[in-house]
Amino acid sequence: MPPLIGLVLAGGQGARFGKPKGEVLFHGRTLAQCSAEVLWPLCTGVLVSIRAGGRNPDLLVLACDYPLIDTALLAHLTRAGTEGDMVMLTDNKGRDHPLAAVWRRSCLDRLSAALADKRYKVRGLLGELDVIRIGPGEVPDRDLSRALTNVNTEDQLRRMS
């Protein structure tokens, strides 16, 4: 069987229920979260479809070309507080890594505007956002330059092994 991507449909208004069902709590989790948890063991990824203007969760973004980042480092990002539009890692040289970051829903309007204007470079958007940077001082037990090594060639990937 080919890989599957799960899709949770949570865009309805919930007219009979009285509010959007995807946001309703059941045993401490939203109904959308419950559905996503059921799909995860069967899928390589899970998407949640919401209606325009609906509440969407923050995104934990990780580009696939950071093979040395682990769950513990990403968990550190998620615990970095609720301030700002984005919480991202910076390496030992101070370089930003917006594709290893938490993107908060507060930046959605600016992100949508950039896409509408065909401004696709993520770094160009950073000046418009309230960005919290997590660098080596906040994660002293990690070599962030190593963890944030971006792989661009097969040779680089072989040397990492």
N, C-alpha and C. Protein backbone atom coordinates (compact mmCIF):
# COMPACT_ATOMS: atom_id res chain seq x y z
N MET A 1 0.84 -1.18 0.00
CA MET A 1 0.00 0.00 0.00
C MET A 1 0.89 1.24 0.00
N PRO A 2 0.57 2.24 -0.83
CA PRO A 2 1.37 3.47 -0.83
C PRO A 2 1.17 4.26 0.46
N PRO A 3 2.09 5.15 0.79
CA PRO A 3 1.93 5.96 1.99
C PRO A 3 0.64 6.77 1.95
N LEU A 4 0.08 7.01 3.12
CA LEU A 4 -1.16 7.77 3.22
C LEU A 4 -0.93 9.07 3.97
N ILE A 5 -1.68 10.09 3.60
CA ILE A 5 -1.76 11.33 4.36
C ILE A 5 -3.18 11.41 4.90
N GLY A 6 -3.29 11.57 6.20
CA GLY A 6 -4.61 11.66 6.83
C GLY A 6 -5.18 13.06 6.67
N LEU A 7 -6.49 13.15 6.53
CA LEU A 7 -7.16 14.44 6.43
C LEU A 7 -8.34 14.45 7.38
N VAL A 8 -8.28 15.33 8.36
CA VAL A 8 -9.38 15.51 9.30
C VAL A 8 -10.24 16.65 8.77
N LEU A 9 -11.50 16.38 8.56
CA LEU A 9 -12.43 17.41 8.09
C LEU A 9 -13.06 18.08 9.30
N ALA A 10 -12.63 19.31 9.57
CA ALA A 10 -13.09 20.04 10.74
C ALA A 10 -13.54 21.45 10.35
N GLY A 11 -14.10 21.59 9.15
CA GLY A 11 -14.46 22.91 8.66
C GLY A 11 -15.93 23.26 8.77
N GLY A 12 -16.72 22.33 9.25
CA GLY A 12 -18.15 22.61 9.34
C GLY A 12 -18.48 23.61 10.43
N GLN A 13 -19.60 24.28 10.27
CA GLN A 13 -20.01 25.28 11.26
C GLN A 13 -20.67 24.65 12.47
N GLY A 14 -21.06 23.40 12.36
CA GLY A 14 -21.71 22.72 13.49
C GLY A 14 -23.07 23.33 13.81
N ALA A 15 -23.86 23.59 12.77
CA ALA A 15 -25.15 24.27 12.96
C ALA A 15 -26.04 23.52 13.95
N ARG A 16 -26.16 22.22 13.84
CA ARG A 16 -27.00 21.44 14.76
C ARG A 16 -26.36 21.35 16.14
N PHE A 17 -25.05 21.39 16.18
CA PHE A 17 -24.33 21.28 17.45
C PHE A 17 -24.29 22.61 18.18
N GLY A 18 -24.39 23.70 17.42
CA GLY A 18 -24.38 25.03 18.03
C GLY A 18 -23.03 25.73 17.99
N LYS A 19 -22.00 25.04 17.53
CA LYS A 19 -20.66 25.62 17.37
C LYS A 19 -19.84 24.66 16.53
N PRO A 20 -18.70 25.13 15.99
CA PRO A 20 -17.88 24.24 15.17
C PRO A 20 -17.43 23.00 15.95
N LYS A 21 -17.74 21.83 15.41
CA LYS A 21 -17.46 20.58 16.13
C LYS A 21 -15.96 20.31 16.30
N GLY A 22 -15.15 20.75 15.37
CA GLY A 22 -13.71 20.52 15.47
C GLY A 22 -13.09 21.14 16.70
N GLU A 23 -13.75 22.17 17.27
CA GLU A 23 -13.24 22.87 18.44
C GLU A 23 -13.83 22.37 19.76
N VAL A 24 -14.79 21.47 19.69
CA VAL A 24 -15.47 20.95 20.88
C VAL A 24 -14.54 20.01 21.64
N LEU A 25 -14.49 20.16 22.95
CA LEU A 25 -13.64 19.31 23.78
C LEU A 25 -14.33 17.99 24.12
N PHE A 26 -13.55 16.92 24.06
CA PHE A 26 -13.99 15.58 24.44
C PHE A 26 -12.82 14.94 25.18
N HIS A 27 -12.98 14.69 26.47
CA HIS A 27 -11.91 14.12 27.29
C HIS A 27 -10.63 14.95 27.23
N GLY A 28 -10.79 16.27 27.23
CA GLY A 28 -9.63 17.16 27.28
C GLY A 28 -8.97 17.47 25.96
N ARG A 29 -9.48 16.93 24.86
CA ARG A 29 -8.93 17.20 23.53
C ARG A 29 -10.06 17.63 22.61
N THR A 30 -9.74 18.42 21.59
CA THR A 30 -10.78 18.77 20.63
C THR A 30 -11.14 17.54 19.81
N LEU A 31 -12.34 17.57 19.23
CA LEU A 31 -12.73 16.46 18.36
C LEU A 31 -11.77 16.33 17.18
N ALA A 32 -11.25 17.46 16.68
CA ALA A 32 -10.27 17.41 15.58
C ALA A 32 -9.00 16.69 16.05
N GLN A 33 -8.55 16.97 17.27
CA GLN A 33 -7.36 16.29 17.80
C GLN A 33 -7.62 14.79 17.94
N CYS A 34 -8.79 14.43 18.42
CA CYS A 34 -9.12 13.01 18.57
C CYS A 34 -9.03 12.28 17.23
N SER A 35 -9.57 12.92 16.19
CA SER A 35 -9.52 12.30 14.86
C SER A 35 -8.09 12.19 14.36
N ALA A 36 -7.30 13.24 14.56
CA ALA A 36 -5.90 13.22 14.11
C ALA A 36 -5.13 12.11 14.81
N GLU A 37 -5.37 11.91 16.09
CA GLU A 37 -4.66 10.87 16.84
C GLU A 37 -4.99 9.48 16.32
N VAL A 38 -6.20 9.27 15.85
CA VAL A 38 -6.59 7.98 15.29
C VAL A 38 -5.89 7.74 13.95
N LEU A 39 -5.69 8.81 13.19
CA LEU A 39 -5.07 8.69 11.87
C LEU A 39 -3.55 8.51 11.93
N TRP A 40 -2.88 9.11 12.91
CA TRP A 40 -1.41 9.12 12.96
C TRP A 40 -0.76 7.75 12.78
N PRO A 41 -1.22 6.72 13.46
CA PRO A 41 -0.52 5.43 13.30
C PRO A 41 -0.58 4.85 11.89
N LEU A 42 -1.50 5.34 11.06
CA LEU A 42 -1.68 4.79 9.73
C LEU A 42 -1.12 5.67 8.62
N CYS A 43 -0.70 6.88 8.97
CA CYS A 43 -0.36 7.86 7.95
C CYS A 43 1.04 8.44 8.15
N THR A 44 1.60 8.97 7.06
CA THR A 44 2.90 9.65 7.16
C THR A 44 2.73 11.08 7.61
N GLY A 45 1.52 11.59 7.57
CA GLY A 45 1.21 12.95 8.02
C GLY A 45 -0.28 13.10 8.15
N VAL A 46 -0.68 14.12 8.90
CA VAL A 46 -2.10 14.39 9.10
C VAL A 46 -2.34 15.87 8.90
N LEU A 47 -3.33 16.20 8.08
CA LEU A 47 -3.75 17.57 7.85
C LEU A 47 -5.12 17.78 8.46
N VAL A 48 -5.38 18.98 8.94
CA VAL A 48 -6.70 19.30 9.48
C VAL A 48 -7.27 20.42 8.62
N SER A 49 -8.38 20.14 7.97
CA SER A 49 -9.05 21.12 7.12
C SER A 49 -10.05 21.91 7.97
N ILE A 50 -9.92 23.24 7.96
CA ILE A 50 -10.83 24.10 8.70
C ILE A 50 -11.48 25.09 7.74
N ARG A 51 -12.56 25.71 8.16
CA ARG A 51 -13.25 26.70 7.32
C ARG A 51 -12.51 28.03 7.37
N ALA A 52 -12.72 28.84 6.37
CA ALA A 52 -12.12 30.18 6.35
C ALA A 52 -12.57 30.93 7.60
N GLY A 53 -11.63 31.54 8.28
CA GLY A 53 -11.95 32.27 9.50
C GLY A 53 -12.02 31.39 10.73
N GLY A 54 -11.87 30.08 10.56
CA GLY A 54 -11.92 29.17 11.70
C GLY A 54 -10.64 29.25 12.52
N ARG A 55 -10.74 28.78 13.75
CA ARG A 55 -9.54 28.76 14.60
C ARG A 55 -8.63 27.65 14.14
N ASN A 56 -7.41 27.97 13.80
CA ASN A 56 -6.44 26.94 13.43
C ASN A 56 -5.30 26.95 14.45
N PRO A 57 -4.73 25.78 14.74
CA PRO A 57 -3.64 25.73 15.73
C PRO A 57 -2.36 26.31 15.17
N ASP A 58 -1.45 26.57 16.07
CA ASP A 58 -0.11 26.99 15.66
C ASP A 58 0.54 25.83 14.92
N LEU A 59 1.55 26.14 14.11
CA LEU A 59 2.24 25.12 13.34
C LEU A 59 3.65 24.91 13.87
N LEU A 60 4.03 23.69 14.04
CA LEU A 60 5.42 23.33 14.32
C LEU A 60 5.99 22.91 12.97
N VAL A 61 6.87 23.75 12.41
CA VAL A 61 7.38 23.57 11.06
C VAL A 61 8.80 23.01 11.12
N LEU A 62 9.04 21.99 10.31
CA LEU A 62 10.38 21.43 10.20
C LEU A 62 10.60 21.00 8.75
N ALA A 63 11.56 21.64 8.10
CA ALA A 63 11.93 21.23 6.74
C ALA A 63 12.60 19.86 6.81
N CYS A 64 12.42 19.08 5.78
CA CYS A 64 12.94 17.70 5.80
C CYS A 64 14.45 17.63 5.65
N ASP A 65 15.10 18.74 5.34
CA ASP A 65 16.55 18.68 5.14
C ASP A 65 17.36 19.06 6.38
N TYR A 66 16.78 18.84 7.55
CA TYR A 66 17.46 18.98 8.84
C TYR A 66 17.48 17.61 9.53
N PRO A 67 18.25 16.65 9.04
CA PRO A 67 18.16 15.29 9.58
C PRO A 67 18.69 15.11 11.00
N LEU A 68 19.40 16.10 11.55
CA LEU A 68 19.98 15.93 12.88
C LEU A 68 19.14 16.55 14.00
N ILE A 69 18.05 17.21 13.65
CA ILE A 69 17.16 17.75 14.68
C ILE A 69 16.37 16.60 15.27
N ASP A 70 16.22 16.62 16.58
CA ASP A 70 15.45 15.56 17.23
C ASP A 70 14.24 16.14 17.96
N THR A 71 13.41 15.26 18.45
CA THR A 71 12.17 15.65 19.11
C THR A 71 12.43 16.51 20.33
N ALA A 72 13.46 16.21 21.09
CA ALA A 72 13.74 16.99 22.30
C ALA A 72 14.03 18.46 21.98
N LEU A 73 14.75 18.70 20.90
CA LEU A 73 15.05 20.07 20.52
C LEU A 73 13.78 20.80 20.07
N LEU A 74 12.94 20.13 19.30
CA LEU A 74 11.68 20.74 18.90
C LEU A 74 10.76 20.96 20.10
N ALA A 75 10.79 20.05 21.04
CA ALA A 75 9.99 20.23 22.26
C ALA A 75 10.42 21.48 23.00
N HIS A 76 11.72 21.78 22.98
CA HIS A 76 12.21 23.00 23.60
C HIS A 76 11.55 24.23 22.96
N LEU A 77 11.41 24.21 21.65
CA LEU A 77 10.73 25.31 20.95
C LEU A 77 9.29 25.46 21.42
N THR A 78 8.61 24.36 21.56
CA THR A 78 7.20 24.42 21.92
C THR A 78 6.98 24.91 23.35
N ARG A 79 8.00 24.82 24.18
CA ARG A 79 7.90 25.28 25.57
C ARG A 79 8.42 26.70 25.76
N ALA A 80 8.76 27.37 24.68
CA ALA A 80 9.41 28.68 24.77
C ALA A 80 8.44 29.82 25.03
N GLY A 81 7.25 29.53 25.48
CA GLY A 81 6.29 30.57 25.80
C GLY A 81 5.30 30.79 24.68
N THR A 82 4.39 31.71 24.92
CA THR A 82 3.32 31.95 23.95
C THR A 82 3.42 33.33 23.31
N GLU A 83 4.49 34.04 23.56
CA GLU A 83 4.66 35.37 22.98
C GLU A 83 5.16 35.27 21.55
N GLY A 84 4.99 36.36 20.80
CA GLY A 84 5.53 36.44 19.46
C GLY A 84 4.71 35.70 18.42
N ASP A 85 5.02 35.99 17.16
CA ASP A 85 4.37 35.33 16.03
C ASP A 85 5.08 34.04 15.66
N MET A 86 6.36 33.96 16.02
CA MET A 86 7.16 32.80 15.64
C MET A 86 8.25 32.58 16.70
N VAL A 87 8.52 31.33 16.97
CA VAL A 87 9.66 30.96 17.82
C VAL A 87 10.54 30.08 16.95
N MET A 88 11.77 30.55 16.68
CA MET A 88 12.64 29.78 15.79
C MET A 88 14.03 29.60 16.38
N LEU A 89 14.70 28.59 15.87
CA LEU A 89 16.06 28.31 16.28
C LEU A 89 17.05 29.16 15.49
N THR A 90 18.11 29.56 16.16
CA THR A 90 19.24 30.22 15.49
C THR A 90 20.48 29.42 15.85
N ASP A 91 21.39 29.31 14.89
CA ASP A 91 22.58 28.50 15.13
C ASP A 91 23.67 29.30 15.84
N ASN A 92 24.82 28.69 16.03
CA ASN A 92 25.92 29.31 16.77
C ASN A 92 26.44 30.58 16.10
N LYS A 93 26.20 30.74 14.81
CA LYS A 93 26.64 31.94 14.09
C LYS A 93 25.54 33.00 14.01
N GLY A 94 24.41 32.74 14.67
CA GLY A 94 23.31 33.70 14.66
C GLY A 94 22.41 33.64 13.44
N ARG A 95 22.57 32.62 12.60
CA ARG A 95 21.72 32.48 11.42
C ARG A 95 20.34 31.98 11.83
N ASP A 96 19.32 32.62 11.28
CA ASP A 96 17.93 32.23 11.54
C ASP A 96 17.57 30.97 10.79
N HIS A 97 16.72 30.16 11.40
CA HIS A 97 16.23 28.93 10.77
C HIS A 97 14.70 28.90 10.91
N PRO A 98 14.00 29.69 10.07
CA PRO A 98 12.55 29.76 10.17
C PRO A 98 11.83 28.49 9.74
N LEU A 99 12.55 27.55 9.17
CA LEU A 99 11.93 26.27 8.82
C LEU A 99 12.20 25.21 9.88
N ALA A 100 12.61 25.66 11.05
CA ALA A 100 12.68 24.84 12.26
C ALA A 100 12.11 25.75 13.34
N ALA A 101 10.78 25.88 13.34
CA ALA A 101 10.15 26.93 14.14
C ALA A 101 8.69 26.62 14.45
N VAL A 102 8.19 27.31 15.44
CA VAL A 102 6.75 27.34 15.72
C VAL A 102 6.21 28.62 15.09
N TRP A 103 5.28 28.46 14.17
CA TRP A 103 4.61 29.58 13.53
C TRP A 103 3.24 29.71 14.20
N ARG A 104 3.02 30.83 14.86
CA ARG A 104 1.76 31.03 15.58
C ARG A 104 0.68 31.55 14.64
N ARG A 105 -0.55 31.26 14.98
CA ARG A 105 -1.66 31.69 14.14
C ARG A 105 -1.77 33.21 14.05
N SER A 106 -1.09 33.93 14.96
CA SER A 106 -1.11 35.40 14.92
C SER A 106 -0.44 35.95 13.66
N CYS A 107 0.36 35.16 12.97
CA CYS A 107 1.04 35.64 11.76
C CYS A 107 0.28 35.26 10.49
N LEU A 108 -0.87 34.63 10.62
CA LEU A 108 -1.60 34.14 9.45
C LEU A 108 -1.95 35.23 8.46
N ASP A 109 -2.44 36.38 8.93
CA ASP A 109 -2.82 37.46 8.00
C ASP A 109 -1.62 37.96 7.21
N ARG A 110 -0.48 38.14 7.88
CA ARG A 110 0.72 38.61 7.19
C ARG A 110 1.26 37.56 6.23
N LEU A 111 1.18 36.31 6.62
CA LEU A 111 1.61 35.23 5.74
C LEU A 111 0.71 35.15 4.51
N SER A 112 -0.59 35.26 4.72
CA SER A 112 -1.54 35.23 3.60
C SER A 112 -1.31 36.40 2.66
N ALA A 113 -1.05 37.58 3.22
CA ALA A 113 -0.79 38.77 2.39
C ALA A 113 0.48 38.58 1.57
N ALA A 114 1.51 38.03 2.16
CA ALA A 114 2.76 37.79 1.44
C ALA A 114 2.52 36.82 0.28
N LEU A 115 1.77 35.77 0.52
CA LEU A 115 1.48 34.81 -0.55
C LEU A 115 0.66 35.46 -1.65
N ALA A 116 -0.32 36.28 -1.28
CA ALA A 116 -1.14 36.97 -2.27
C ALA A 116 -0.30 37.91 -3.13
N ASP A 117 0.74 38.51 -2.53
CA ASP A 117 1.65 39.41 -3.24
C ASP A 117 2.77 38.67 -3.96
N LYS A 118 2.71 37.33 -3.93
CA LYS A 118 3.72 36.47 -4.56
C LYS A 118 5.10 36.66 -3.96
N ARG A 119 5.13 36.96 -2.67
CA ARG A 119 6.40 37.05 -1.93
C ARG A 119 6.56 35.70 -1.24
N TYR A 120 7.36 34.83 -1.80
CA TYR A 120 7.45 33.46 -1.33
C TYR A 120 8.66 33.18 -0.44
N LYS A 121 9.58 34.11 -0.32
CA LYS A 121 10.77 33.88 0.50
C LYS A 121 10.42 34.10 1.98
N VAL A 122 10.60 33.07 2.76
CA VAL A 122 10.27 33.13 4.17
C VAL A 122 11.09 34.20 4.88
N ARG A 123 12.37 34.28 4.56
CA ARG A 123 13.23 35.26 5.22
C ARG A 123 12.75 36.70 4.99
N GLY A 124 12.11 36.96 3.86
CA GLY A 124 11.58 38.29 3.59
C GLY A 124 10.42 38.67 4.49
N LEU A 125 9.77 37.69 5.06
CA LEU A 125 8.64 37.92 5.94
C LEU A 125 9.05 38.17 7.39
N LEU A 126 10.24 37.75 7.76
CA LEU A 126 10.67 37.82 9.15
C LEU A 126 10.61 39.23 9.73
N GLY A 127 10.93 40.24 8.92
CA GLY A 127 10.91 41.63 9.40
C GLY A 127 9.52 42.11 9.77
N GLU A 128 8.49 41.44 9.28
CA GLU A 128 7.11 41.82 9.57
C GLU A 128 6.55 41.09 10.79
N LEU A 129 7.31 40.17 11.34
CA LEU A 129 6.82 39.33 12.43
C LEU A 129 7.54 39.62 13.74
N ASP A 130 6.86 39.35 14.83
CA ASP A 130 7.47 39.40 16.15
C ASP A 130 8.10 38.02 16.38
N VAL A 131 9.41 37.95 16.22
CA VAL A 131 10.12 36.66 16.23
C VAL A 131 10.88 36.49 17.54
N ILE A 132 10.69 35.35 18.16
CA ILE A 132 11.47 34.94 19.34
C ILE A 132 12.54 33.99 18.83
N ARG A 133 13.80 34.32 19.08
CA ARG A 133 14.89 33.49 18.61
C ARG A 133 15.47 32.67 19.77
N ILE A 134 15.59 31.39 19.54
CA ILE A 134 16.17 30.48 20.53
C ILE A 134 17.55 30.07 20.02
N GLY A 135 18.57 30.55 20.71
CA GLY A 135 19.94 30.29 20.28
C GLY A 135 20.69 29.41 21.25
N PRO A 136 22.00 29.30 21.04
CA PRO A 136 22.83 28.42 21.86
C PRO A 136 22.74 28.73 23.36
N GLY A 137 22.55 29.99 23.73
CA GLY A 137 22.46 30.34 25.14
C GLY A 137 21.25 29.75 25.83
N GLU A 138 20.17 29.56 25.07
CA GLU A 138 18.94 28.99 25.63
C GLU A 138 18.93 27.46 25.60
N VAL A 139 19.83 26.88 24.84
CA VAL A 139 19.93 25.42 24.74
C VAL A 139 21.40 25.05 24.89
N PRO A 140 21.96 25.27 26.09
CA PRO A 140 23.41 25.11 26.27
C PRO A 140 23.93 23.68 26.10
N ASP A 141 23.06 22.69 26.24
CA ASP A 141 23.52 21.30 26.15
C ASP A 141 23.51 20.78 24.71
N ARG A 142 23.27 21.66 23.74
CA ARG A 142 23.18 21.25 22.34
C ARG A 142 24.14 22.04 21.46
N ASP A 143 24.68 21.41 20.46
CA ASP A 143 25.43 22.10 19.42
C ASP A 143 24.43 22.43 18.32
N LEU A 144 23.86 23.65 18.39
CA LEU A 144 22.82 24.01 17.44
C LEU A 144 23.33 24.08 16.00
N SER A 145 24.59 24.43 15.82
CA SER A 145 25.11 24.45 14.44
C SER A 145 25.06 23.05 13.84
N ARG A 146 25.38 22.05 14.63
CA ARG A 146 25.29 20.67 14.13
C ARG A 146 23.84 20.27 13.92
N ALA A 147 23.00 20.51 14.91
CA ALA A 147 21.59 20.12 14.80
C ALA A 147 20.90 20.81 13.63
N LEU A 148 21.34 22.03 13.31
CA LEU A 148 20.71 22.80 12.24
C LEU A 148 21.46 22.69 10.91
N THR A 149 22.30 21.67 10.78
CA THR A 149 22.99 21.46 9.52
C THR A 149 21.95 21.10 8.46
N ASN A 150 21.94 21.88 7.41
CA ASN A 150 21.00 21.72 6.31
C ASN A 150 21.67 20.89 5.23
N VAL A 151 21.01 19.85 4.77
CA VAL A 151 21.58 18.95 3.77
C VAL A 151 21.11 19.37 2.39
N ASN A 152 22.08 19.66 1.52
CA ASN A 152 21.75 20.09 0.16
C ASN A 152 22.28 19.15 -0.92
N THR A 153 23.14 18.21 -0.54
CA THR A 153 23.68 17.26 -1.52
C THR A 153 23.74 15.86 -0.89
N GLU A 154 23.79 14.86 -1.75
CA GLU A 154 23.91 13.49 -1.25
C GLU A 154 25.23 13.28 -0.52
N ASP A 155 26.28 13.97 -0.99
CA ASP A 155 27.59 13.85 -0.34
C ASP A 155 27.52 14.38 1.11
N GLN A 156 26.85 15.49 1.31
CA GLN A 156 26.68 16.03 2.67
C GLN A 156 25.94 15.03 3.55
N LEU A 157 24.92 14.43 3.01
CA LEU A 157 24.15 13.45 3.78
C LEU A 157 24.99 12.23 4.14
N ARG A 158 25.81 11.75 3.22
CA ARG A 158 26.69 10.60 3.49
C ARG A 158 27.67 10.94 4.60
N ARG A 159 28.22 12.15 4.58
CA ARG A 159 29.20 12.55 5.61
C ARG A 159 28.58 12.69 7.00
N MET A 160 27.29 12.89 7.06
CA MET A 160 26.60 12.99 8.37
C MET A 160 26.41 11.64 9.03
N SER A 161 26.36 10.61 8.26
CA SER A 161 26.05 9.26 8.80
C SER A 161 27.09 8.76 9.73
